[in-house]
Structure formats: structure tokens, C-alpha cells
Amino acid sequence: MAAMGVSISIDDFGMAYSSLAWLDQFPVHTLKIDRQFVSKLQTSPRSYRLVRGPAGLAHSMGLEAVAEGVETGEQRAALAAMDCDIVQGWHHARPMPLAALEAFARCRGPAQVQTELAYADVGTPSTPCR
């Protein structure tokens, strides 16, 4: 599958049906840390450790670590300090229709979009091209 450009992510890691066993059973590329832990980074030392642990595990296995549900700059900064590879959430961009996403990508270029969506403040789809 990897030769065809398909990658496998374990979504909502740490919740419900996600399991450490999946890391051994499947050719996983990405570990996505659930938003429930990310949302409490600033208020709960326990949640901070519950994000830092899977991020470190992902890196130790050569996987990409993605944090879901990032809504504040403080969360983004904490995740950057943990070396999370990608953060996603409303802090960076709200959900948008396909046409808005295409315009967003067209005015910035694919590499810039990936960089901006990984760690920069990009505003809303109505933000003019930079």
C-alpha cells in the first residue's frame, strides 16, 4: 500500500478502540492524538503527559505525531515544544467548503499550505493571499 502512496493513521489515539496492538499489527505511518487530551494541556499536568507520551512513542517508532483539536496559540506552542509534527484544529483554519480550500491552496501553493496548517496562524478562508 505504501508503494501506491497510501499511508495509515491511527485516529483518536488513546480513546475507545485505538490500541497499542495496532502499532504492531499494521504498517502505521501516523499517530493522531485525540483532542480530548489536547484541550486540557494548559490546565491538567496529567493531560500534558498523556499527549507527550504518545508523541514520544510515535517518534521512537519513526511515526509522525499529529495533535487534533488545537484551538489556542498556547496549545500550539506546547505541542511544538513536544515536537508534534503536525497540529490541526480551529486555531489554524475553520472547516471550509472545497471551493474555499482550493482558493486557499491556490493563492499560497501546496508547500506553504502544509507549512501554515502545520504550525502557523492562517486566519480564515477569507484572509487575502499573502
C-alpha atoms as a PDB file:
ATOM      1  CA  MET A   1       0.000   0.000   0.000  1.00  0.00           C
ATOM      2  CA  ALA A   2       2.822   2.407   0.779  1.00  0.00           C
ATOM      3  CA  ALA A   3       4.144   1.949  -2.766  1.00  0.00           C
ATOM      4  CA  MET A   4       0.779   3.246  -4.009  1.00  0.00           C
ATOM      5  CA  GLY A   5       1.076   6.350  -1.829  1.00  0.00           C
ATOM      6  CA  VAL A   6      -1.354   5.139   0.824  1.00  0.00           C
ATOM      7  CA  SER A   7      -0.494   5.814   4.446  1.00  0.00           C
ATOM      8  CA  ILE A   8      -2.252   4.550   7.557  1.00  0.00           C
ATOM      9  CA  SER A   9      -3.071   6.693  10.578  1.00  0.00           C
ATOM     10  CA  ILE A  10      -4.414   5.631  13.932  1.00  0.00           C
ATOM     11  CA  ASP A  11      -7.036   8.283  14.642  1.00  0.00           C
ATOM     12  CA  ASP A  12      -8.115   9.378  18.139  1.00  0.00           C
ATOM     13  CA  PHE A  13      -5.167   7.559  19.709  1.00  0.00           C
ATOM     14  CA  GLY A  14      -5.771   6.962  23.391  1.00  0.00           C
ATOM     15  CA  MET A  15      -9.530   6.729  23.061  1.00  0.00           C
ATOM     16  CA  ALA A  16     -12.068   3.929  22.664  1.00  0.00           C
ATOM     17  CA  TYR A  17     -10.898   1.349  20.138  1.00  0.00           C
ATOM     18  CA  SER A  18      -7.390   2.624  19.398  1.00  0.00           C
ATOM     19  CA  SER A  19      -4.869   0.181  20.741  1.00  0.00           C
ATOM     20  CA  LEU A  20      -1.132  -0.186  21.156  1.00  0.00           C
ATOM     21  CA  ALA A  21      -1.527  -3.572  19.464  1.00  0.00           C
ATOM     22  CA  TRP A  22      -2.424  -1.776  16.219  1.00  0.00           C
ATOM     23  CA  LEU A  23       1.085  -0.323  16.141  1.00  0.00           C
ATOM     24  CA  ASP A  24       2.422  -3.868  15.942  1.00  0.00           C
ATOM     25  CA  GLN A  25      -0.230  -5.293  13.610  1.00  0.00           C
ATOM     26  CA  PHE A  26      -0.447  -2.623  10.900  1.00  0.00           C
ATOM     27  CA  PRO A  27       2.091  -0.629   8.862  1.00  0.00           C
ATOM     28  CA  VAL A  28       1.098   2.625  10.567  1.00  0.00           C
ATOM     29  CA  HIS A  29       2.635   5.950   9.486  1.00  0.00           C
ATOM     30  CA  THR A  30       0.864   8.441  11.742  1.00  0.00           C
ATOM     31  CA  LEU A  31      -0.433   8.568  15.282  1.00  0.00           C
ATOM     32  CA  LYS A  32      -3.198  11.139  15.790  1.00  0.00           C
ATOM     33  CA  ILE A  33      -3.544  12.180  19.428  1.00  0.00           C
ATOM     34  CA  ASP A  34      -7.144  12.778  20.443  1.00  0.00           C
ATOM     35  CA  ARG A  35      -8.424  16.295  21.024  1.00  0.00           C
ATOM     36  CA  GLN A  36      -9.716  15.376  24.499  1.00  0.00           C
ATOM     37  CA  PHE A  37      -6.132  15.353  25.792  1.00  0.00           C
ATOM     38  CA  VAL A  38      -5.024  18.373  23.743  1.00  0.00           C
ATOM     39  CA  SER A  39      -7.882  20.521  25.039  1.00  0.00           C
ATOM     40  CA  LYS A  40      -6.609  20.187  28.625  1.00  0.00           C
ATOM     41  CA  LEU A  41      -2.892  20.795  28.017  1.00  0.00           C
ATOM     42  CA  GLN A  42      -2.820  24.094  29.919  1.00  0.00           C
ATOM     43  CA  THR A  43      -4.965  23.000  32.843  1.00  0.00           C
ATOM     44  CA  SER A  44      -4.033  19.389  33.504  1.00  0.00           C
ATOM     45  CA  PRO A  45      -0.495  18.085  34.043  1.00  0.00           C
ATOM     46  CA  ARG A  46      -1.929  14.622  33.513  1.00  0.00           C
ATOM     47  CA  SER A  47      -3.296  15.534  30.063  1.00  0.00           C
ATOM     48  CA  TYR A  48       0.032  17.149  29.210  1.00  0.00           C
ATOM     49  CA  ARG A  49       1.767  13.841  29.927  1.00  0.00           C
ATOM     50  CA  LEU A  50      -0.939  11.927  28.040  1.00  0.00           C
ATOM     51  CA  VAL A  51      -0.064  13.955  24.943  1.00  0.00           C
ATOM     52  CA  ARG A  52       3.691  13.968  25.430  1.00  0.00           C
ATOM     53  CA  GLY A  53       3.787  10.170  25.902  1.00  0.00           C
ATOM     54  CA  PRO A  54       2.139   9.184  22.604  1.00  0.00           C
ATOM     55  CA  ALA A  55       4.095  11.883  20.739  1.00  0.00           C
ATOM     56  CA  GLY A  56       7.333  10.395  22.064  1.00  0.00           C
ATOM     57  CA  LEU A  57       6.135   6.883  21.287  1.00  0.00           C
ATOM     58  CA  ALA A  58       5.314   7.896  17.718  1.00  0.00           C
ATOM     59  CA  HIS A  59       8.758   9.390  17.204  1.00  0.00           C
ATOM     60  CA  SER A  60      10.523   6.415  18.779  1.00  0.00           C
ATOM     61  CA  MET A  61       8.787   4.207  16.198  1.00  0.00           C
ATOM     62  CA  GLY A  62       9.559   6.501  13.277  1.00  0.00           C
ATOM     63  CA  LEU A  63       5.938   7.669  13.021  1.00  0.00           C
ATOM     64  CA  GLU A  64       4.503  11.123  12.562  1.00  0.00           C
ATOM     65  CA  ALA A  65       2.750  12.614  15.617  1.00  0.00           C
ATOM     66  CA  VAL A  66      -0.393  14.671  14.938  1.00  0.00           C
ATOM     67  CA  ALA A  67      -2.293  16.544  17.645  1.00  0.00           C
ATOM     68  CA  GLU A  68      -6.006  17.050  16.993  1.00  0.00           C
ATOM     69  CA  GLY A  69      -8.253  19.842  18.219  1.00  0.00           C
ATOM     70  CA  VAL A  70      -5.764  22.685  18.660  1.00  0.00           C
ATOM     71  CA  GLU A  71      -7.736  25.831  19.465  1.00  0.00           C
ATOM     72  CA  THR A  72      -5.216  28.190  21.099  1.00  0.00           C
ATOM     73  CA  GLY A  73      -1.741  29.527  20.497  1.00  0.00           C
ATOM     74  CA  GLU A  74      -0.725  28.221  23.915  1.00  0.00           C
ATOM     75  CA  GLN A  75      -1.698  24.687  22.933  1.00  0.00           C
ATOM     76  CA  ARG A  76       0.211  25.051  19.674  1.00  0.00           C
ATOM     77  CA  ALA A  77       3.322  26.261  21.499  1.00  0.00           C
ATOM     78  CA  ALA A  78       3.172  23.377  24.000  1.00  0.00           C
ATOM     79  CA  LEU A  79       2.793  20.875  21.152  1.00  0.00           C
ATOM     80  CA  ALA A  80       5.681  22.415  19.245  1.00  0.00           C
ATOM     81  CA  ALA A  81       7.818  22.027  22.383  1.00  0.00           C
ATOM     82  CA  MET A  82       6.837  18.333  22.402  1.00  0.00           C
ATOM     83  CA  ASP A  83       7.949  18.063  18.758  1.00  0.00           C
ATOM     84  CA  CYS A  84       4.491  17.175  17.469  1.00  0.00           C
ATOM     85  CA  ASP A  85       4.931  17.038  13.721  1.00  0.00           C
ATOM     86  CA  ILE A  86       1.528  18.439  12.803  1.00  0.00           C
ATOM     87  CA  VAL A  87      -1.242  20.142  14.705  1.00  0.00           C
ATOM     88  CA  GLN A  88      -4.753  20.527  13.398  1.00  0.00           C
ATOM     89  CA  GLY A  89      -7.679  22.465  14.682  1.00  0.00           C
ATOM     90  CA  TRP A  90      -9.678  25.643  14.594  1.00  0.00           C
ATOM     91  CA  HIS A  91      -6.742  27.744  15.765  1.00  0.00           C
ATOM     92  CA  HIS A  92      -5.325  27.431  12.261  1.00  0.00           C
ATOM     93  CA  ALA A  93      -8.338  27.215   9.990  1.00  0.00           C
ATOM     94  CA  ARG A  94     -12.014  26.553  10.368  1.00  0.00           C
ATOM     95  CA  PRO A  95     -13.699  23.903   8.256  1.00  0.00           C
ATOM     96  CA  MET A  96     -14.288  25.281   4.784  1.00  0.00           C
ATOM     97  CA  PRO A  97     -16.057  24.240   1.620  1.00  0.00           C
ATOM     98  CA  LEU A  98     -13.997  22.691  -1.147  1.00  0.00           C
ATOM     99  CA  ALA A  99     -14.047  25.867  -3.275  1.00  0.00           C
ATOM    100  CA  ALA A 100     -12.631  27.913  -0.371  1.00  0.00           C
ATOM    101  CA  LEU A 101      -9.951  25.302   0.275  1.00  0.00           C
ATOM    102  CA  GLU A 102      -8.975  25.289  -3.397  1.00  0.00           C
ATOM    103  CA  ALA A 103      -8.671  29.101  -3.379  1.00  0.00           C
ATOM    104  CA  PHE A 104      -6.724  28.965  -0.114  1.00  0.00           C
ATOM    105  CA  ALA A 105      -4.274  26.429  -1.576  1.00  0.00           C
ATOM    106  CA  ARG A 106      -4.053  28.164  -4.958  1.00  0.00           C
ATOM    107  CA  CYS A 107      -3.009  31.526  -3.542  1.00  0.00           C
ATOM    108  CA  ARG A 108      -0.433  30.023  -1.175  1.00  0.00           C
ATOM    109  CA  GLY A 109       0.875  26.967  -3.017  1.00  0.00           C
ATOM    110  CA  PRO A 110       0.852  23.414  -1.632  1.00  0.00           C
ATOM    111  CA  ALA A 111       4.136  23.649   0.310  1.00  0.00           C
ATOM    112  CA  GLN A 112       3.083  26.893   2.000  1.00  0.00           C
ATOM    113  CA  VAL A 113      -0.336  25.495   2.886  1.00  0.00           C
ATOM    114  CA  GLN A 114       1.219  22.439   4.512  1.00  0.00           C
ATOM    115  CA  THR A 115       3.635  24.631   6.488  1.00  0.00           C
ATOM    116  CA  GLU A 116       0.938  27.095   7.517  1.00  0.00           C
ATOM    117  CA  LEU A 117      -1.510  24.413   8.519  1.00  0.00           C
ATOM    118  CA  ALA A 118       1.181  22.617  10.491  1.00  0.00           C
ATOM    119  CA  TYR A 119       2.189  25.485  12.793  1.00  0.00           C
ATOM    120  CA  ALA A 120       1.215  28.982  11.639  1.00  0.00           C
ATOM    121  CA  ASP A 121      -1.800  31.164  12.148  1.00  0.00           C
ATOM    122  CA  VAL A 122      -3.578  31.237   8.818  1.00  0.00           C
ATOM    123  CA  GLY A 123      -6.786  33.014   9.729  1.00  0.00           C
ATOM    124  CA  THR A 124      -9.936  32.244   7.834  1.00  0.00           C
ATOM    125  CA  PRO A 125     -10.593  31.312   4.200  1.00  0.00           C
ATOM    126  CA  SER A 126     -11.452  34.961   3.579  1.00  0.00           C
ATOM    127  CA  THR A 127      -7.943  36.066   4.580  1.00  0.00           C
ATOM    128  CA  PRO A 128      -6.345  37.639   1.488  1.00  0.00           C
ATOM    129  CA  CYS A 129      -3.367  35.966  -0.138  1.00  0.00           C
ATOM    130  CA  ARG A 130      -0.091  36.964   1.454  1.00  0.00           C
END
